[in-house]
Amino acid sequence: MQRHCCKLRSGWREKVEAVGLTYHSHEEGPYWDESACYELTALEVDVLEAATNKLHYLCIDAAEAIIENNWWPRLGIPPVAVPSIRRSWERDDFSLYGRFDLSYDGETPPKLLEYNADTPTALVEAAVAQWFWLQDTHPGADQFNSIHERLIEAWRRWKGTTIHFSSIKEHAEDEMTVLYLRDTCEQAGVKTKPVYVEDIGWDSRRKRFVDLDNQIIERCFKLYPWEWLWHEDFGVHLAEDPARFIEPTWKMLLSNKGLLPILWELFPEHPNLLPAYELADPLGGSYVRKPRLSREGSNVTWVEGGVVVEETPGDYGAEGHVYQAPATLGEFDGHHPIFGVWVVDHEAAGLGIREDTRRITGNLSRFVPHFFR
């Protein structure tokens, strides 16, 4: 594995905006950063793909154990959500996608940092923007990236139906992610219709969710966390299962960092897992404390030898924390890459790399393209 410095493409901003990556920059600099790229070997790609497939099914087994053992408090799952999760699991409700964040240095096995199983983003840049970058800059190389094709294929089962697509208003990344997913759904021959989360209504007579046209929402892709949905005004009606959501309710079990200690308990010493516990004591004075529920690396504390060496601010942590052994992060020219491997329809489908000079990846950490030969 190598990190290369790269020459920027002429008109790169216009090129990434043309494929939907309108949020390529922020006040502190670029988010999409093609001044560098990572070159992997085919063997390293195979290792990442195999590890992701193994981890996904370990997580499925862990979800079953949570349900069978009533371990809801270990994840801070609200009691009102439990019956809905059970029904969703028993129905085997459709799951479209997720993203594993892994540490990997090309030598030791990839290690699970967390599973973004409910509302993963960085999709447009992984599925589309870096693919067009590859065609422009390394046309003879390959990329771990079949995300686009896999998404279309996954949607095909819903031909003849209408799926609503929902995000919050005035959030560029979420809106473009949902727009892209709508496009893949329509390419599969499925009708789609937009509705903002804020505009979802409840028809008390029909006992169904409806959009602004009073059309019943039968199925809805929502880029909005389940733990937030339960607290919305219409959340009281979620337990009635008035619609099928994508991602389904059972994904609450996998998108929660409370899953990490359960995985380690069920599969101790697994080569793709880091030791993780609900208390810090078993890890001594070196650990990473993470909220059970959080976004973009918020409220994470890295402790070594009892001393805080890095931490991030935020408003998360009310549901409690977990403690994970520090990962051995790869370092390339002072940068630490995190490997986000996408799962589509229960199979590894592609890779997006984010890097930072810090050890905790946050919302401003850069997305860097990759290729392999």
Protein backbone atom coordinates (compact mmCIF):
# COMPACT_ATOMS: atom_id res chain seq x y z
CA MET A 1 0.00 0.00 0.00
CA GLN A 2 1.34 3.43 -0.96
CA ARG A 3 0.19 7.02 -0.68
CA HIS A 4 0.99 9.16 -3.72
CA CYS A 5 0.96 12.91 -4.17
CA CYS A 6 -1.12 13.75 -7.24
CA LYS A 7 -1.64 16.60 -9.65
CA LEU A 8 -5.10 18.11 -9.47
CA ARG A 9 -7.23 17.70 -12.58
CA SER A 10 -7.98 20.89 -14.43
CA GLY A 11 -11.46 22.02 -13.42
CA TRP A 12 -11.73 19.36 -10.72
CA ARG A 13 -14.41 21.30 -8.82
CA GLU A 14 -16.74 21.41 -11.82
CA LYS A 15 -16.04 17.74 -12.52
CA VAL A 16 -17.00 16.49 -9.06
CA GLU A 17 -20.00 18.82 -8.88
CA ALA A 18 -21.23 17.42 -12.20
CA VAL A 19 -21.55 13.97 -10.60
CA GLY A 20 -23.27 15.23 -7.45
CA LEU A 21 -20.38 16.00 -5.10
CA THR A 22 -21.40 19.59 -4.41
CA TYR A 23 -20.03 19.51 -0.84
CA HIS A 24 -16.39 19.03 -1.92
CA SER A 25 -15.01 21.89 0.19
CA HIS A 26 -15.55 23.58 3.54
CA GLU A 27 -14.27 26.68 5.32
CA GLU A 28 -11.05 24.98 6.41
CA GLY A 29 -10.16 23.49 3.04
CA PRO A 30 -11.07 20.58 0.76
CA TYR A 31 -13.15 17.62 1.83
CA TRP A 32 -12.65 15.87 -1.52
CA ASP A 33 -8.85 15.81 -1.83
CA GLU A 34 -7.33 14.55 -5.06
CA SER A 35 -3.93 16.02 -4.28
CA ALA A 36 -3.22 12.53 -2.93
CA CYS A 37 -4.38 8.98 -3.60
CA TYR A 38 -3.74 5.50 -2.27
CA GLU A 39 -2.44 2.64 -4.37
CA LEU A 40 -3.37 -0.80 -3.08
CA THR A 41 -2.47 -4.24 -4.32
CA ALA A 42 -5.06 -6.73 -5.54
CA LEU A 43 -4.25 -8.88 -2.50
CA GLU A 44 -4.94 -5.98 -0.12
CA VAL A 45 -8.29 -5.40 -1.79
CA ASP A 46 -9.11 -9.09 -1.39
CA VAL A 47 -8.21 -8.89 2.31
CA LEU A 48 -10.49 -5.89 2.86
CA GLU A 49 -13.35 -7.51 0.95
CA ALA A 50 -13.07 -10.83 2.81
CA ALA A 51 -12.84 -9.12 6.21
CA THR A 52 -15.93 -7.03 5.49
CA ASN A 53 -18.00 -10.02 4.44
CA LYS A 54 -16.97 -11.90 7.58
CA LEU A 55 -17.70 -8.92 9.83
CA HIS A 56 -21.11 -8.32 8.31
CA TYR A 57 -22.30 -11.82 9.16
CA LEU A 58 -20.72 -11.66 12.62
CA CYS A 59 -22.88 -8.58 13.14
CA ILE A 60 -25.97 -10.44 11.92
CA ASP A 61 -25.22 -13.22 14.43
CA ALA A 62 -24.73 -10.62 17.17
CA ALA A 63 -28.09 -9.01 16.32
CA GLU A 64 -29.78 -12.38 16.72
CA ALA A 65 -28.09 -12.85 20.10
CA ILE A 66 -29.27 -9.40 21.24
CA ILE A 67 -32.85 -10.27 20.36
CA GLU A 68 -32.76 -13.77 21.87
CA ASN A 69 -31.15 -12.57 25.12
CA ASN A 70 -33.12 -9.31 25.47
CA TRP A 71 -29.90 -7.29 25.61
CA TRP A 72 -31.76 -4.07 24.71
CA PRO A 73 -30.36 -2.07 27.67
CA ARG A 74 -26.81 -2.85 26.53
CA LEU A 75 -27.51 -0.74 23.44
CA GLY A 76 -29.75 1.81 25.08
CA ILE A 77 -32.66 0.74 22.84
CA PRO A 78 -35.89 2.47 23.96
CA PRO A 79 -38.52 -0.08 25.05
CA VAL A 80 -41.07 1.38 22.61
CA ALA A 81 -38.84 0.30 19.71
CA VAL A 82 -38.38 -3.33 20.79
CA PRO A 83 -41.57 -4.85 19.30
CA SER A 84 -40.96 -3.08 16.01
CA ILE A 85 -37.36 -4.36 15.89
CA ARG A 86 -38.52 -7.89 16.59
CA ARG A 87 -41.14 -7.81 13.83
CA SER A 88 -38.69 -6.26 11.38
CA TRP A 89 -36.13 -8.97 12.15
CA GLU A 90 -38.66 -11.80 11.84
CA ARG A 91 -39.83 -10.43 8.48
CA ASP A 92 -36.20 -10.14 7.33
CA ASP A 93 -36.95 -6.60 6.13
CA PHE A 94 -34.89 -5.42 3.18
CA SER A 95 -31.54 -3.81 3.99
CA LEU A 96 -29.89 -1.83 1.21
CA TYR A 97 -26.47 -0.82 2.45
CA GLY A 98 -24.00 -0.02 5.21
CA ARG A 99 -20.37 1.02 5.65
CA PHE A 100 -17.72 -0.62 7.82
CA ASP A 101 -14.96 1.67 9.04
CA LEU A 102 -11.77 -0.35 9.34
CA SER A 103 -8.20 0.32 10.40
CA TYR A 104 -5.67 -1.32 8.05
CA ASP A 105 -1.99 -0.88 7.38
CA GLY A 106 -1.55 -3.48 4.65
CA GLU A 107 0.19 -5.89 7.03
CA THR A 108 -1.98 -6.75 10.04
CA PRO A 109 -5.60 -7.88 9.54
CA PRO A 110 -8.19 -5.12 9.13
CA LYS A 111 -9.86 -4.21 12.43
CA LEU A 112 -13.45 -3.07 12.92
CA LEU A 113 -13.75 0.45 14.31
CA GLU A 114 -17.51 0.76 13.83
CA TYR A 115 -20.36 -0.22 11.53
CA ASN A 116 -22.33 2.66 9.99
CA ALA A 117 -25.33 0.48 9.30
CA ASP A 118 -28.26 2.88 9.38
CA THR A 119 -27.37 6.24 7.80
CA PRO A 120 -23.93 5.94 6.17
CA THR A 121 -22.75 8.83 4.02
CA ALA A 122 -19.64 9.46 1.86
CA LEU A 123 -21.51 7.46 -0.78
CA VAL A 124 -21.46 9.82 -3.78
CA GLU A 125 -17.71 10.29 -3.45
CA ALA A 126 -17.07 6.54 -3.07
CA ALA A 127 -19.46 5.25 -5.74
CA VAL A 128 -19.17 7.95 -8.40
CA ALA A 129 -16.66 10.78 -7.89
CA GLN A 130 -13.62 8.60 -7.38
CA TRP A 131 -14.64 6.35 -10.29
CA PHE A 132 -14.57 9.27 -12.73
CA TRP A 133 -11.30 10.43 -11.14
CA LEU A 134 -9.89 6.97 -11.93
CA GLN A 135 -10.97 7.17 -15.59
CA ASP A 136 -9.32 10.58 -15.94
CA THR A 137 -6.07 9.82 -14.10
CA HIS A 138 -5.40 6.07 -14.09
CA PRO A 139 -7.43 4.58 -16.95
CA GLY A 140 -5.34 1.40 -16.99
CA ALA A 141 -5.86 0.69 -13.28
CA ASP A 142 -8.77 -0.77 -11.32
CA GLN A 143 -10.69 0.29 -8.25
CA PHE A 144 -12.49 -1.59 -5.48
CA ASN A 145 -15.82 -0.17 -6.55
CA SER A 146 -18.94 -1.93 -7.80
CA ILE A 147 -21.19 0.14 -5.53
CA HIS A 148 -23.24 1.75 -8.29
CA GLU A 149 -24.04 -1.49 -10.11
CA ARG A 150 -24.81 -3.32 -6.88
CA LEU A 151 -27.24 -0.61 -5.76
CA ILE A 152 -29.18 -0.80 -9.01
CA GLU A 153 -29.34 -4.57 -8.82
CA ALA A 154 -30.54 -4.46 -5.19
CA TRP A 155 -33.41 -2.11 -6.07
CA ARG A 156 -34.69 -4.31 -8.92
CA ARG A 157 -36.72 -6.47 -6.53
CA TRP A 158 -39.04 -3.49 -5.96
CA LYS A 159 -40.12 -3.03 -9.60
CA GLY A 160 -43.82 -2.18 -9.75
CA THR A 161 -43.78 -0.29 -6.45
CA THR A 162 -43.19 3.32 -5.40
CA ILE A 163 -40.49 4.16 -2.87
CA HIS A 164 -40.37 7.53 -1.11
CA PHE A 165 -36.94 9.04 -0.44
CA SER A 166 -36.48 11.24 2.57
CA SER A 167 -33.86 13.46 4.22
CA ILE A 168 -33.91 16.68 6.21
CA LYS A 169 -34.13 20.05 4.48
CA GLU A 170 -31.14 22.25 3.69
CA HIS A 171 -28.42 19.67 4.26
CA ALA A 172 -26.37 19.44 1.07
CA GLU A 173 -24.65 16.11 1.71
CA ASP A 174 -27.81 14.32 2.80
CA GLU A 175 -29.86 15.76 -0.07
CA MET A 176 -27.29 14.78 -2.70
CA THR A 177 -26.88 11.31 -1.19
CA VAL A 178 -30.63 10.73 -1.32
CA LEU A 179 -30.83 12.17 -4.84
CA TYR A 180 -28.11 9.76 -5.97
CA LEU A 181 -29.85 6.79 -4.37
CA ARG A 182 -33.14 7.81 -5.99
CA ASP A 183 -31.34 7.80 -9.33
CA THR A 184 -30.02 4.26 -8.80
CA CYS A 185 -33.51 3.17 -7.79
CA GLU A 186 -35.07 4.67 -10.91
CA GLN A 187 -32.38 3.06 -13.07
CA ALA A 188 -33.64 -0.23 -11.64
CA GLY A 189 -37.12 0.56 -12.97
CA VAL A 190 -38.69 1.55 -9.64
CA LYS A 191 -40.86 4.63 -9.24
CA THR A 192 -39.65 7.12 -6.63
CA LYS A 193 -41.03 10.19 -4.92
CA PRO A 194 -39.31 12.71 -2.61
CA VAL A 195 -40.57 13.77 0.81
CA TYR A 196 -38.61 15.60 3.48
CA VAL A 197 -38.62 14.13 6.98
CA GLU A 198 -40.22 17.35 8.19
CA ASP A 199 -43.09 16.87 5.71
CA ILE A 200 -44.05 13.31 6.65
CA GLY A 201 -47.59 13.38 7.99
CA TRP A 202 -49.93 10.99 9.78
CA ASP A 203 -53.40 10.16 8.50
CA SER A 204 -55.27 9.17 11.64
CA ARG A 205 -58.22 7.80 9.69
CA ARG A 206 -56.14 5.46 7.52
CA LYS A 207 -53.46 5.02 10.21
CA ARG A 208 -50.74 5.49 7.66
CA PHE A 209 -47.89 7.87 6.99
CA VAL A 210 -48.55 10.23 4.07
CA ASP A 211 -46.64 12.78 2.00
CA LEU A 212 -47.70 16.35 1.15
CA ASP A 213 -50.00 15.02 -1.60
CA ASN A 214 -51.72 12.81 0.98
CA GLN A 215 -50.31 9.76 -0.80
CA ILE A 216 -49.70 6.79 1.52
CA ILE A 217 -46.02 6.07 2.13
CA GLU A 218 -45.73 2.31 1.64
CA ARG A 219 -41.93 2.13 1.55
CA CYS A 220 -39.51 4.87 2.42
CA PHE A 221 -35.76 5.20 2.21
CA LYS A 222 -34.83 7.60 5.00
CA LEU A 223 -31.41 9.13 5.54
CA TYR A 224 -32.29 9.91 9.13
CA PRO A 225 -31.23 7.92 12.21
CA TRP A 226 -33.74 5.60 13.79
CA GLU A 227 -32.94 6.90 17.26
CA TRP A 228 -34.02 10.36 16.09
CA LEU A 229 -37.14 9.12 14.31
CA TRP A 230 -38.59 7.76 17.54
CA HIS A 231 -38.41 11.27 19.01
CA GLU A 232 -40.18 13.01 16.11
CA ASP A 233 -43.80 14.13 16.49
CA PHE A 234 -44.90 11.17 14.39
CA GLY A 235 -42.60 8.77 16.27
CA VAL A 236 -45.44 7.55 18.46
CA HIS A 237 -46.91 5.88 15.35
CA LEU A 238 -43.74 4.01 14.34
CA ALA A 239 -44.58 1.10 16.61
CA GLU A 240 -47.67 0.45 14.48
CA ASP A 241 -45.43 -0.42 11.50
CA PRO A 242 -47.39 1.83 9.11
CA ALA A 243 -44.60 1.75 6.52
CA ARG A 244 -41.54 -0.28 5.59
CA PHE A 245 -38.42 1.81 6.06
CA ILE A 246 -35.02 1.41 4.43
CA GLU A 247 -32.88 0.94 6.42
CA PRO A 248 -35.21 -1.30 8.48
CA THR A 249 -35.77 -1.07 12.21
CA TRP A 250 -33.55 -4.07 12.95
CA LYS A 251 -30.53 -2.11 11.71
CA MET A 252 -30.75 -0.17 15.00
CA LEU A 253 -28.90 -3.14 16.47
CA LEU A 254 -25.94 -2.79 14.10
CA SER A 255 -25.60 0.99 13.91
CA ASN A 256 -25.03 1.21 17.66
CA LYS A 257 -21.49 1.07 19.10
CA GLY A 258 -22.92 -0.94 21.96
CA LEU A 259 -22.57 -3.75 19.43
CA LEU A 260 -18.76 -3.67 19.77
CA PRO A 261 -18.51 -5.25 23.27
CA ILE A 262 -21.13 -7.82 22.29
CA LEU A 263 -19.12 -8.82 19.22
CA TRP A 264 -15.98 -9.24 21.32
CA GLU A 265 -17.92 -11.24 23.92
CA LEU A 266 -19.37 -13.56 21.28
CA PHE A 267 -16.25 -13.84 19.11
CA PRO A 268 -13.23 -13.25 21.38
CA GLU A 269 -9.84 -12.96 19.68
CA HIS A 270 -11.39 -12.75 16.22
CA PRO A 271 -8.65 -11.35 13.96
CA ASN A 272 -10.88 -8.55 12.60
CA LEU A 273 -12.12 -7.33 16.00
CA LEU A 274 -10.58 -5.10 18.64
CA PRO A 275 -11.15 -5.87 22.33
CA ALA A 276 -14.17 -3.87 23.47
CA TYR A 277 -16.03 -3.62 26.76
CA GLU A 278 -18.78 -1.74 28.52
CA LEU A 279 -16.30 -0.64 31.19
CA ALA A 280 -12.76 0.70 30.79
CA ASP A 281 -11.19 -1.52 33.49
CA PRO A 282 -10.32 -4.57 31.32
CA LEU A 283 -8.31 -2.32 28.98
CA GLY A 284 -6.17 -0.77 31.68
CA GLY A 285 -5.18 2.80 30.99
CA SER A 286 -5.27 2.70 27.18
CA TYR A 287 -8.55 2.76 25.32
CA VAL A 288 -10.83 4.73 23.01
CA ARG A 289 -14.10 5.79 24.60
CA LYS A 290 -17.01 6.09 22.16
CA PRO A 291 -20.67 7.02 22.66
CA ARG A 292 -23.07 4.24 21.82
CA LEU A 293 -24.76 6.64 19.44
CA SER A 294 -22.84 9.40 17.69
CA ARG A 295 -22.01 10.81 14.27
CA GLU A 296 -18.84 11.91 12.46
CA GLY A 297 -16.43 10.99 15.24
CA SER A 298 -18.07 13.27 17.82
CA ASN A 299 -17.39 12.86 21.56
CA VAL A 300 -14.62 10.29 21.09
CA THR A 301 -11.77 10.22 23.61
CA TRP A 302 -8.42 8.50 22.96
CA VAL A 303 -6.58 7.59 26.17
CA GLU A 304 -3.07 6.16 26.45
CA GLY A 305 -1.48 5.27 29.76
CA GLY A 306 -4.29 7.00 31.57
CA VAL A 307 -3.68 10.26 29.72
CA VAL A 308 -6.10 11.79 27.20
CA VAL A 309 -4.10 12.25 24.00
CA GLU A 310 -6.95 13.23 21.70
CA GLU A 311 -10.66 13.96 21.97
CA THR A 312 -13.43 15.47 19.91
CA PRO A 313 -16.34 17.70 20.98
CA GLY A 314 -20.03 17.09 20.41
CA ASP A 315 -23.43 16.58 21.95
CA TYR A 316 -23.57 12.78 22.12
CA GLY A 317 -23.16 10.33 24.99
CA ALA A 318 -26.49 10.43 26.83
CA GLU A 319 -27.08 6.74 25.99
CA GLY A 320 -23.74 5.71 27.51
CA HIS A 321 -20.33 4.75 26.19
CA VAL A 322 -18.23 1.76 25.19
CA TYR A 323 -14.48 1.25 25.49
CA GLN A 324 -12.42 -0.18 22.66
CA ALA A 325 -8.73 -1.03 22.49
CA PRO A 326 -6.80 1.54 20.42
CA ALA A 327 -6.32 0.46 16.82
CA THR A 328 -2.95 0.33 15.16
CA LEU A 329 -3.53 2.94 12.48
CA GLY A 330 -1.47 3.01 9.32
CA GLU A 331 0.56 6.18 8.84
CA PHE A 332 1.52 7.55 5.43
CA ASP A 333 3.34 10.88 5.22
CA GLY A 334 1.81 11.83 8.57
CA HIS A 335 -1.72 10.86 7.51
CA HIS A 336 -3.88 8.12 9.04
CA PRO A 337 -6.28 6.47 6.55
CA ILE A 338 -9.56 4.85 7.58
CA PHE A 339 -10.96 2.31 5.14
CA GLY A 340 -14.70 2.61 4.65
CA VAL A 341 -15.85 -0.59 2.96
CA TRP A 342 -19.41 -0.51 1.65
CA VAL A 343 -21.84 -3.37 1.96
CA VAL A 344 -24.70 -3.50 -0.55
CA ASP A 345 -27.39 -6.16 -0.22
CA HIS A 346 -25.26 -8.04 2.33
CA GLU A 347 -22.05 -8.16 0.25
CA ALA A 348 -18.90 -6.03 0.23
CA ALA A 349 -19.15 -3.69 -2.77
CA GLY A 350 -16.46 -1.01 -2.67
CA LEU A 351 -14.05 1.19 -0.77
CA GLY A 352 -13.81 4.83 0.24
CA ILE A 353 -10.77 6.12 2.12
CA ARG A 354 -10.78 9.09 4.49
CA GLU A 355 -7.61 10.38 6.09
CA ASP A 356 -6.52 12.84 8.74
CA THR A 357 -3.37 13.86 10.57
CA ARG A 358 -5.34 13.16 13.75
CA ARG A 359 -6.13 9.66 14.91
CA ILE A 360 -9.85 10.33 15.30
CA THR A 361 -11.64 10.72 11.98
CA GLY A 362 -14.13 13.59 12.04
CA ASN A 363 -16.57 15.34 9.74
CA LEU A 364 -13.78 17.45 8.16
CA SER A 365 -11.45 14.52 7.47
CA ARG A 366 -10.58 14.33 3.80
CA PHE A 367 -11.88 11.80 1.27
CA VAL A 368 -8.97 10.55 -0.84
CA PRO A 369 -9.45 8.37 -3.97
CA HIS A 370 -7.70 5.04 -4.55
CA PHE A 371 -6.77 2.53 -7.22
CA PHE A 372 -5.12 -0.87 -7.46
CA ARG A 373 -3.34 -2.86 -10.11
